[in-house]
Amino acid sequence: MSGEELIFKNNYVTIPSNAVIGQYYLIAYIDVYQTVAETDEDNNTFAVPITVGSSAVNLDEISGHFSIYPIPAYDQVFFKYEGPVQGQTVFSIFDQLGRKMYSDKVELAGFWTESLDVSAWQKGFYYVKIMIGDKQYVSSFIKL
Protein backbone atom coordinates (compact mmCIF):
# COMPACT_ATOMS: atom_id res chain seq x y z
CA MET A 1 0.00 0.00 0.00
CA SER A 2 2.97 2.27 -0.16
CA GLY A 3 1.87 5.49 -1.80
CA GLU A 4 -1.81 4.50 -1.57
CA GLU A 5 -4.32 6.71 0.21
CA LEU A 6 -6.74 5.58 2.85
CA ILE A 7 -10.12 7.21 2.37
CA PHE A 8 -12.00 8.61 5.36
CA LYS A 9 -15.78 8.73 4.98
CA ASN A 10 -18.37 8.91 7.75
CA ASN A 11 -15.69 8.22 10.40
CA TYR A 12 -14.64 4.96 8.70
CA VAL A 13 -11.45 4.11 6.88
CA THR A 14 -11.66 2.47 3.46
CA ILE A 15 -8.65 0.31 2.68
CA PRO A 16 -7.86 -0.16 -1.03
CA SER A 17 -9.07 -3.49 -2.39
CA ASN A 18 -5.58 -4.30 -3.72
CA ALA A 19 -4.00 -4.10 -0.22
CA VAL A 20 -1.70 -7.01 0.53
CA ILE A 21 -2.56 -9.09 3.60
CA GLY A 22 -0.46 -7.95 6.53
CA GLN A 23 -0.01 -5.43 9.32
CA TYR A 24 -0.27 -1.70 8.66
CA TYR A 25 -0.49 1.39 10.83
CA LEU A 26 -2.96 4.24 10.59
CA ILE A 27 -0.84 7.24 11.54
CA ALA A 28 -2.33 10.57 12.57
CA TYR A 29 -0.62 13.85 13.24
CA ILE A 30 -2.75 16.30 15.17
CA ASP A 31 -2.23 20.05 15.28
CA VAL A 32 0.06 19.98 12.22
CA TYR A 33 0.33 23.78 12.15
CA GLN A 34 0.86 23.96 15.93
CA THR A 35 -2.11 26.25 16.47
CA VAL A 36 -2.50 24.95 20.02
CA ALA A 37 0.40 25.95 22.29
CA GLU A 38 1.72 23.01 24.31
CA THR A 39 4.74 22.36 26.49
CA ASP A 40 5.29 19.00 24.78
CA GLU A 41 4.80 19.05 21.00
CA ASP A 42 6.01 15.42 20.78
CA ASN A 43 2.60 14.09 21.83
CA ASN A 44 0.73 15.09 18.68
CA THR A 45 1.18 11.83 16.79
CA PHE A 46 -0.33 8.42 17.24
CA ALA A 47 -0.56 5.19 15.30
CA VAL A 48 -3.19 2.48 15.33
CA PRO A 49 -2.31 -1.01 14.07
CA ILE A 50 -4.58 -2.34 11.30
CA THR A 51 -4.58 -5.96 10.16
CA VAL A 52 -5.58 -6.58 6.54
CA GLY A 53 -6.74 -10.12 5.88
CA SER A 54 -7.31 -13.01 8.22
CA SER A 55 -3.82 -13.52 9.60
CA ALA A 56 -4.50 -12.61 13.23
CA VAL A 57 -3.55 -15.28 15.74
CA ASN A 58 -6.17 -16.52 18.20
CA LEU A 59 -5.57 -14.09 21.06
CA ASP A 60 -6.40 -16.76 23.62
CA GLU A 61 -3.31 -18.63 22.45
CA ILE A 62 -0.86 -15.83 23.22
CA SER A 63 -2.32 -12.67 24.78
CA GLY A 64 -2.65 -13.94 28.33
CA HIS A 65 0.86 -15.36 28.18
CA PHE A 66 2.82 -12.41 26.79
CA SER A 67 3.91 -9.42 28.87
CA ILE A 68 5.86 -6.21 28.34
CA TYR A 69 7.27 -4.30 31.31
CA PRO A 70 7.84 -1.75 32.71
CA ILE A 71 5.28 0.51 31.09
CA PRO A 72 6.25 3.20 30.59
CA ALA A 73 9.77 2.13 29.66
CA TYR A 74 12.75 4.44 30.17
CA ASP A 75 16.08 2.69 29.53
CA GLN A 76 15.19 -1.00 29.32
CA VAL A 77 12.07 -2.86 28.29
CA PHE A 78 11.49 -6.53 29.05
CA PHE A 79 9.46 -9.05 27.05
CA LYS A 80 8.27 -12.34 28.49
CA TYR A 81 6.25 -15.23 27.09
CA GLU A 82 5.06 -18.31 28.97
CA GLY A 83 2.46 -20.30 27.10
CA PRO A 84 1.41 -23.13 24.81
CA VAL A 85 2.44 -21.69 21.42
CA GLN A 86 5.74 -23.09 20.15
CA GLY A 87 7.82 -22.63 17.04
CA GLN A 88 9.99 -20.13 15.20
CA THR A 89 8.76 -16.60 15.75
CA VAL A 90 9.73 -13.22 14.34
CA PHE A 91 9.69 -10.56 17.03
CA SER A 92 9.69 -6.97 15.70
CA ILE A 93 9.26 -3.48 17.14
CA PHE A 94 8.05 -0.48 15.13
CA ASP A 95 7.89 3.19 16.08
CA GLN A 96 4.72 5.24 15.69
CA LEU A 97 5.65 6.08 12.09
CA GLY A 98 5.90 2.40 11.18
CA ARG A 99 9.72 2.30 11.01
CA LYS A 100 11.24 -1.00 12.13
CA MET A 101 13.36 -0.33 15.22
CA TYR A 102 14.28 -3.92 16.08
CA SER A 103 13.73 -7.41 14.74
CA ASP A 104 14.87 -10.85 15.84
CA LYS A 105 13.98 -14.48 15.14
CA VAL A 106 13.30 -16.38 18.33
CA GLU A 107 12.28 -19.94 19.07
CA LEU A 108 9.27 -20.14 21.36
CA ALA A 109 9.40 -23.32 23.42
CA GLY A 110 6.94 -22.59 26.18
CA PHE A 111 9.12 -19.89 27.76
CA TRP A 112 11.00 -16.92 26.30
CA THR A 113 12.33 -13.70 27.77
CA GLU A 114 14.30 -10.82 26.31
CA SER A 115 15.46 -7.40 27.46
CA LEU A 116 16.13 -4.53 25.11
CA ASP A 117 18.04 -1.29 25.66
CA VAL A 118 15.76 1.54 24.46
CA SER A 119 17.61 4.40 26.16
CA ALA A 120 18.58 5.99 22.82
CA TRP A 121 15.08 5.70 21.34
CA GLN A 122 12.81 8.74 21.14
CA LYS A 123 9.85 9.13 23.48
CA GLY A 124 6.64 7.73 22.07
CA PHE A 125 4.52 4.69 21.32
CA TYR A 126 6.11 1.52 20.02
CA TYR A 127 4.34 -1.49 18.56
CA VAL A 128 5.50 -5.04 19.11
CA LYS A 129 4.60 -7.56 16.40
CA ILE A 130 5.03 -11.27 16.96
CA MET A 131 4.74 -13.41 13.82
CA ILE A 132 4.20 -17.13 14.31
CA GLY A 133 4.04 -18.63 10.83
CA ASP A 134 1.40 -16.57 9.01
CA LYS A 135 -0.30 -15.52 12.25
CA GLN A 136 0.48 -12.37 14.18
CA TYR A 137 -0.07 -10.71 17.52
CA VAL A 138 0.41 -6.98 18.09
CA SER A 139 0.94 -5.20 21.40
CA SER A 140 2.48 -1.87 22.36
CA PHE A 141 4.46 0.02 24.96
CA ILE A 142 5.31 3.62 25.75
CA LYS A 143 8.89 4.90 26.01
CA LEU A 144 9.45 8.03 28.12
C-alpha atoms as a PDB file:
ATOM      1  CA  MET A   1       0.000   0.000   0.000  1.00  0.00           C
ATOM      2  CA  SER A   2       2.975   2.271  -0.158  1.00  0.00           C
ATOM      3  CA  GLY A   3       1.867   5.489  -1.798  1.00  0.00           C
ATOM      4  CA  GLU A   4      -1.812   4.501  -1.570  1.00  0.00           C
ATOM      5  CA  GLU A   5      -4.322   6.705   0.210  1.00  0.00           C
ATOM      6  CA  LEU A   6      -6.738   5.583   2.855  1.00  0.00           C
ATOM      7  CA  ILE A   7     -10.122   7.209   2.372  1.00  0.00           C
ATOM      8  CA  PHE A   8     -12.001   8.607   5.363  1.00  0.00           C
ATOM      9  CA  LYS A   9     -15.776   8.729   4.983  1.00  0.00           C
ATOM     10  CA  ASN A  10     -18.371   8.911   7.750  1.00  0.00           C
ATOM     11  CA  ASN A  11     -15.686   8.217  10.404  1.00  0.00           C
ATOM     12  CA  TYR A  12     -14.638   4.964   8.705  1.00  0.00           C
ATOM     13  CA  VAL A  13     -11.447   4.106   6.880  1.00  0.00           C
ATOM     14  CA  THR A  14     -11.658   2.466   3.463  1.00  0.00           C
ATOM     15  CA  ILE A  15      -8.648   0.306   2.681  1.00  0.00           C
ATOM     16  CA  PRO A  16      -7.855  -0.155  -1.028  1.00  0.00           C
ATOM     17  CA  SER A  17      -9.072  -3.494  -2.392  1.00  0.00           C
ATOM     18  CA  ASN A  18      -5.576  -4.296  -3.717  1.00  0.00           C
ATOM     19  CA  ALA A  19      -4.004  -4.096  -0.224  1.00  0.00           C
ATOM     20  CA  VAL A  20      -1.698  -7.011   0.527  1.00  0.00           C
ATOM     21  CA  ILE A  21      -2.556  -9.094   3.599  1.00  0.00           C
ATOM     22  CA  GLY A  22      -0.457  -7.945   6.532  1.00  0.00           C
ATOM     23  CA  GLN A  23      -0.014  -5.426   9.319  1.00  0.00           C
ATOM     24  CA  TYR A  24      -0.269  -1.698   8.663  1.00  0.00           C
ATOM     25  CA  TYR A  25      -0.486   1.394  10.826  1.00  0.00           C
ATOM     26  CA  LEU A  26      -2.960   4.238  10.591  1.00  0.00           C
ATOM     27  CA  ILE A  27      -0.844   7.239  11.539  1.00  0.00           C
ATOM     28  CA  ALA A  28      -2.327  10.566  12.573  1.00  0.00           C
ATOM     29  CA  TYR A  29      -0.617  13.853  13.240  1.00  0.00           C
ATOM     30  CA  ILE A  30      -2.749  16.303  15.170  1.00  0.00           C
ATOM     31  CA  ASP A  31      -2.232  20.054  15.275  1.00  0.00           C
ATOM     32  CA  VAL A  32       0.060  19.980  12.215  1.00  0.00           C
ATOM     33  CA  TYR A  33       0.330  23.776  12.145  1.00  0.00           C
ATOM     34  CA  GLN A  34       0.858  23.957  15.935  1.00  0.00           C
ATOM     35  CA  THR A  35      -2.105  26.252  16.470  1.00  0.00           C
ATOM     36  CA  VAL A  36      -2.502  24.948  20.020  1.00  0.00           C
ATOM     37  CA  ALA A  37       0.400  25.952  22.286  1.00  0.00           C
ATOM     38  CA  GLU A  38       1.720  23.014  24.313  1.00  0.00           C
ATOM     39  CA  THR A  39       4.745  22.363  26.489  1.00  0.00           C
ATOM     40  CA  ASP A  40       5.290  19.002  24.783  1.00  0.00           C
ATOM     41  CA  GLU A  41       4.802  19.054  21.000  1.00  0.00           C
ATOM     42  CA  ASP A  42       6.010  15.418  20.776  1.00  0.00           C
ATOM     43  CA  ASN A  43       2.603  14.086  21.833  1.00  0.00           C
ATOM     44  CA  ASN A  44       0.731  15.092  18.679  1.00  0.00           C
ATOM     45  CA  THR A  45       1.177  11.833  16.787  1.00  0.00           C
ATOM     46  CA  PHE A  46      -0.331   8.422  17.238  1.00  0.00           C
ATOM     47  CA  ALA A  47      -0.558   5.188  15.303  1.00  0.00           C
ATOM     48  CA  VAL A  48      -3.192   2.479  15.325  1.00  0.00           C
ATOM     49  CA  PRO A  49      -2.307  -1.011  14.072  1.00  0.00           C
ATOM     50  CA  ILE A  50      -4.575  -2.336  11.298  1.00  0.00           C
ATOM     51  CA  THR A  51      -4.582  -5.965  10.161  1.00  0.00           C
ATOM     52  CA  VAL A  52      -5.581  -6.581   6.545  1.00  0.00           C
ATOM     53  CA  GLY A  53      -6.740 -10.124   5.880  1.00  0.00           C
ATOM     54  CA  SER A  54      -7.312 -13.010   8.218  1.00  0.00           C
ATOM     55  CA  SER A  55      -3.821 -13.523   9.599  1.00  0.00           C
ATOM     56  CA  ALA A  56      -4.500 -12.606  13.231  1.00  0.00           C
ATOM     57  CA  VAL A  57      -3.551 -15.277  15.742  1.00  0.00           C
ATOM     58  CA  ASN A  58      -6.172 -16.523  18.196  1.00  0.00           C
ATOM     59  CA  LEU A  59      -5.571 -14.087  21.056  1.00  0.00           C
ATOM     60  CA  ASP A  60      -6.402 -16.762  23.623  1.00  0.00           C
ATOM     61  CA  GLU A  61      -3.306 -18.635  22.445  1.00  0.00           C
ATOM     62  CA  ILE A  62      -0.856 -15.833  23.224  1.00  0.00           C
ATOM     63  CA  SER A  63      -2.315 -12.674  24.779  1.00  0.00           C
ATOM     64  CA  GLY A  64      -2.651 -13.937  28.331  1.00  0.00           C
ATOM     65  CA  HIS A  65       0.857 -15.356  28.179  1.00  0.00           C
ATOM     66  CA  PHE A  66       2.819 -12.408  26.786  1.00  0.00           C
ATOM     67  CA  SER A  67       3.913  -9.417  28.872  1.00  0.00           C
ATOM     68  CA  ILE A  68       5.864  -6.213  28.343  1.00  0.00           C
ATOM     69  CA  TYR A  69       7.268  -4.298  31.308  1.00  0.00           C
ATOM     70  CA  PRO A  70       7.844  -1.745  32.706  1.00  0.00           C
ATOM     71  CA  ILE A  71       5.280   0.509  31.090  1.00  0.00           C
ATOM     72  CA  PRO A  72       6.246   3.197  30.586  1.00  0.00           C
ATOM     73  CA  ALA A  73       9.775   2.131  29.656  1.00  0.00           C
ATOM     74  CA  TYR A  74      12.748   4.442  30.167  1.00  0.00           C
ATOM     75  CA  ASP A  75      16.079   2.695  29.527  1.00  0.00           C
ATOM     76  CA  GLN A  76      15.193  -0.996  29.320  1.00  0.00           C
ATOM     77  CA  VAL A  77      12.072  -2.859  28.293  1.00  0.00           C
ATOM     78  CA  PHE A  78      11.490  -6.535  29.049  1.00  0.00           C
ATOM     79  CA  PHE A  79       9.456  -9.050  27.053  1.00  0.00           C
ATOM     80  CA  LYS A  80       8.274 -12.340  28.487  1.00  0.00           C
ATOM     81  CA  TYR A  81       6.250 -15.231  27.090  1.00  0.00           C
ATOM     82  CA  GLU A  82       5.060 -18.310  28.970  1.00  0.00           C
ATOM     83  CA  GLY A  83       2.461 -20.304  27.101  1.00  0.00           C
ATOM     84  CA  PRO A  84       1.407 -23.130  24.812  1.00  0.00           C
ATOM     85  CA  VAL A  85       2.444 -21.692  21.418  1.00  0.00           C
ATOM     86  CA  GLN A  86       5.738 -23.087  20.147  1.00  0.00           C
ATOM     87  CA  GLY A  87       7.822 -22.625  17.037  1.00  0.00           C
ATOM     88  CA  GLN A  88       9.992 -20.130  15.199  1.00  0.00           C
ATOM     89  CA  THR A  89       8.760 -16.604  15.748  1.00  0.00           C
ATOM     90  CA  VAL A  90       9.730 -13.221  14.339  1.00  0.00           C
ATOM     91  CA  PHE A  91       9.692 -10.564  17.033  1.00  0.00           C
ATOM     92  CA  SER A  92       9.691  -6.970  15.697  1.00  0.00           C
ATOM     93  CA  ILE A  93       9.262  -3.478  17.139  1.00  0.00           C
ATOM     94  CA  PHE A  94       8.051  -0.479  15.130  1.00  0.00           C
ATOM     95  CA  ASP A  95       7.888   3.187  16.078  1.00  0.00           C
ATOM     96  CA  GLN A  96       4.720   5.238  15.690  1.00  0.00           C
ATOM     97  CA  LEU A  97       5.652   6.076  12.090  1.00  0.00           C
ATOM     98  CA  GLY A  98       5.905   2.400  11.177  1.00  0.00           C
ATOM     99  CA  ARG A  99       9.721   2.305  11.008  1.00  0.00           C
ATOM    100  CA  LYS A 100      11.242  -1.001  12.130  1.00  0.00           C
ATOM    101  CA  MET A 101      13.362  -0.331  15.218  1.00  0.00           C
ATOM    102  CA  TYR A 102      14.279  -3.915  16.080  1.00  0.00           C
ATOM    103  CA  SER A 103      13.727  -7.412  14.742  1.00  0.00           C
ATOM    104  CA  ASP A 104      14.871 -10.848  15.841  1.00  0.00           C
ATOM    105  CA  LYS A 105      13.977 -14.482  15.141  1.00  0.00           C
ATOM    106  CA  VAL A 106      13.303 -16.381  18.333  1.00  0.00           C
ATOM    107  CA  GLU A 107      12.284 -19.940  19.073  1.00  0.00           C
ATOM    108  CA  LEU A 108       9.265 -20.143  21.363  1.00  0.00           C
ATOM    109  CA  ALA A 109       9.398 -23.325  23.419  1.00  0.00           C
ATOM    110  CA  GLY A 110       6.937 -22.586  26.179  1.00  0.00           C
ATOM    111  CA  PHE A 111       9.121 -19.895  27.759  1.00  0.00           C
ATOM    112  CA  TRP A 112      10.999 -16.925  26.300  1.00  0.00           C
ATOM    113  CA  THR A 113      12.331 -13.703  27.770  1.00  0.00           C
ATOM    114  CA  GLU A 114      14.301 -10.821  26.313  1.00  0.00           C
ATOM    115  CA  SER A 115      15.457  -7.398  27.456  1.00  0.00           C
ATOM    116  CA  LEU A 116      16.130  -4.532  25.111  1.00  0.00           C
ATOM    117  CA  ASP A 117      18.039  -1.290  25.658  1.00  0.00           C
ATOM    118  CA  VAL A 118      15.758   1.537  24.463  1.00  0.00           C
ATOM    119  CA  SER A 119      17.610   4.399  26.160  1.00  0.00           C
ATOM    120  CA  ALA A 120      18.581   5.987  22.821  1.00  0.00           C
ATOM    121  CA  TRP A 121      15.077   5.702  21.342  1.00  0.00           C
ATOM    122  CA  GLN A 122      12.809   8.742  21.135  1.00  0.00           C
ATOM    123  CA  LYS A 123       9.850   9.129  23.476  1.00  0.00           C
ATOM    124  CA  GLY A 124       6.638   7.734  22.067  1.00  0.00           C
ATOM    125  CA  PHE A 125       4.516   4.688  21.325  1.00  0.00           C
ATOM    126  CA  TYR A 126       6.108   1.518  20.023  1.00  0.00           C
ATOM    127  CA  TYR A 127       4.342  -1.492  18.561  1.00  0.00           C
ATOM    128  CA  VAL A 128       5.498  -5.042  19.108  1.00  0.00           C
ATOM    129  CA  LYS A 129       4.602  -7.555  16.402  1.00  0.00           C
ATOM    130  CA  ILE A 130       5.034 -11.271  16.957  1.00  0.00           C
ATOM    131  CA  MET A 131       4.741 -13.410  13.822  1.00  0.00           C
ATOM    132  CA  ILE A 132       4.202 -17.133  14.313  1.00  0.00           C
ATOM    133  CA  GLY A 133       4.038 -18.627  10.833  1.00  0.00           C
ATOM    134  CA  ASP A 134       1.400 -16.572   9.010  1.00  0.00           C
ATOM    135  CA  LYS A 135      -0.300 -15.517  12.249  1.00  0.00           C
ATOM    136  CA  GLN A 136       0.483 -12.371  14.185  1.00  0.00           C
ATOM    137  CA  TYR A 137      -0.074 -10.709  17.519  1.00  0.00           C
ATOM    138  CA  VAL A 138       0.415  -6.984  18.085  1.00  0.00           C
ATOM    139  CA  SER A 139       0.936  -5.198  21.396  1.00  0.00           C
ATOM    140  CA  SER A 140       2.475  -1.874  22.362  1.00  0.00           C
ATOM    141  CA  PHE A 141       4.456   0.016  24.965  1.00  0.00           C
ATOM    142  CA  ILE A 142       5.311   3.619  25.746  1.00  0.00           C
ATOM    143  CA  LYS A 143       8.887   4.900  26.005  1.00  0.00           C
ATOM    144  CA  LEU A 144       9.454   8.027  28.119  1.00  0.00           C
END
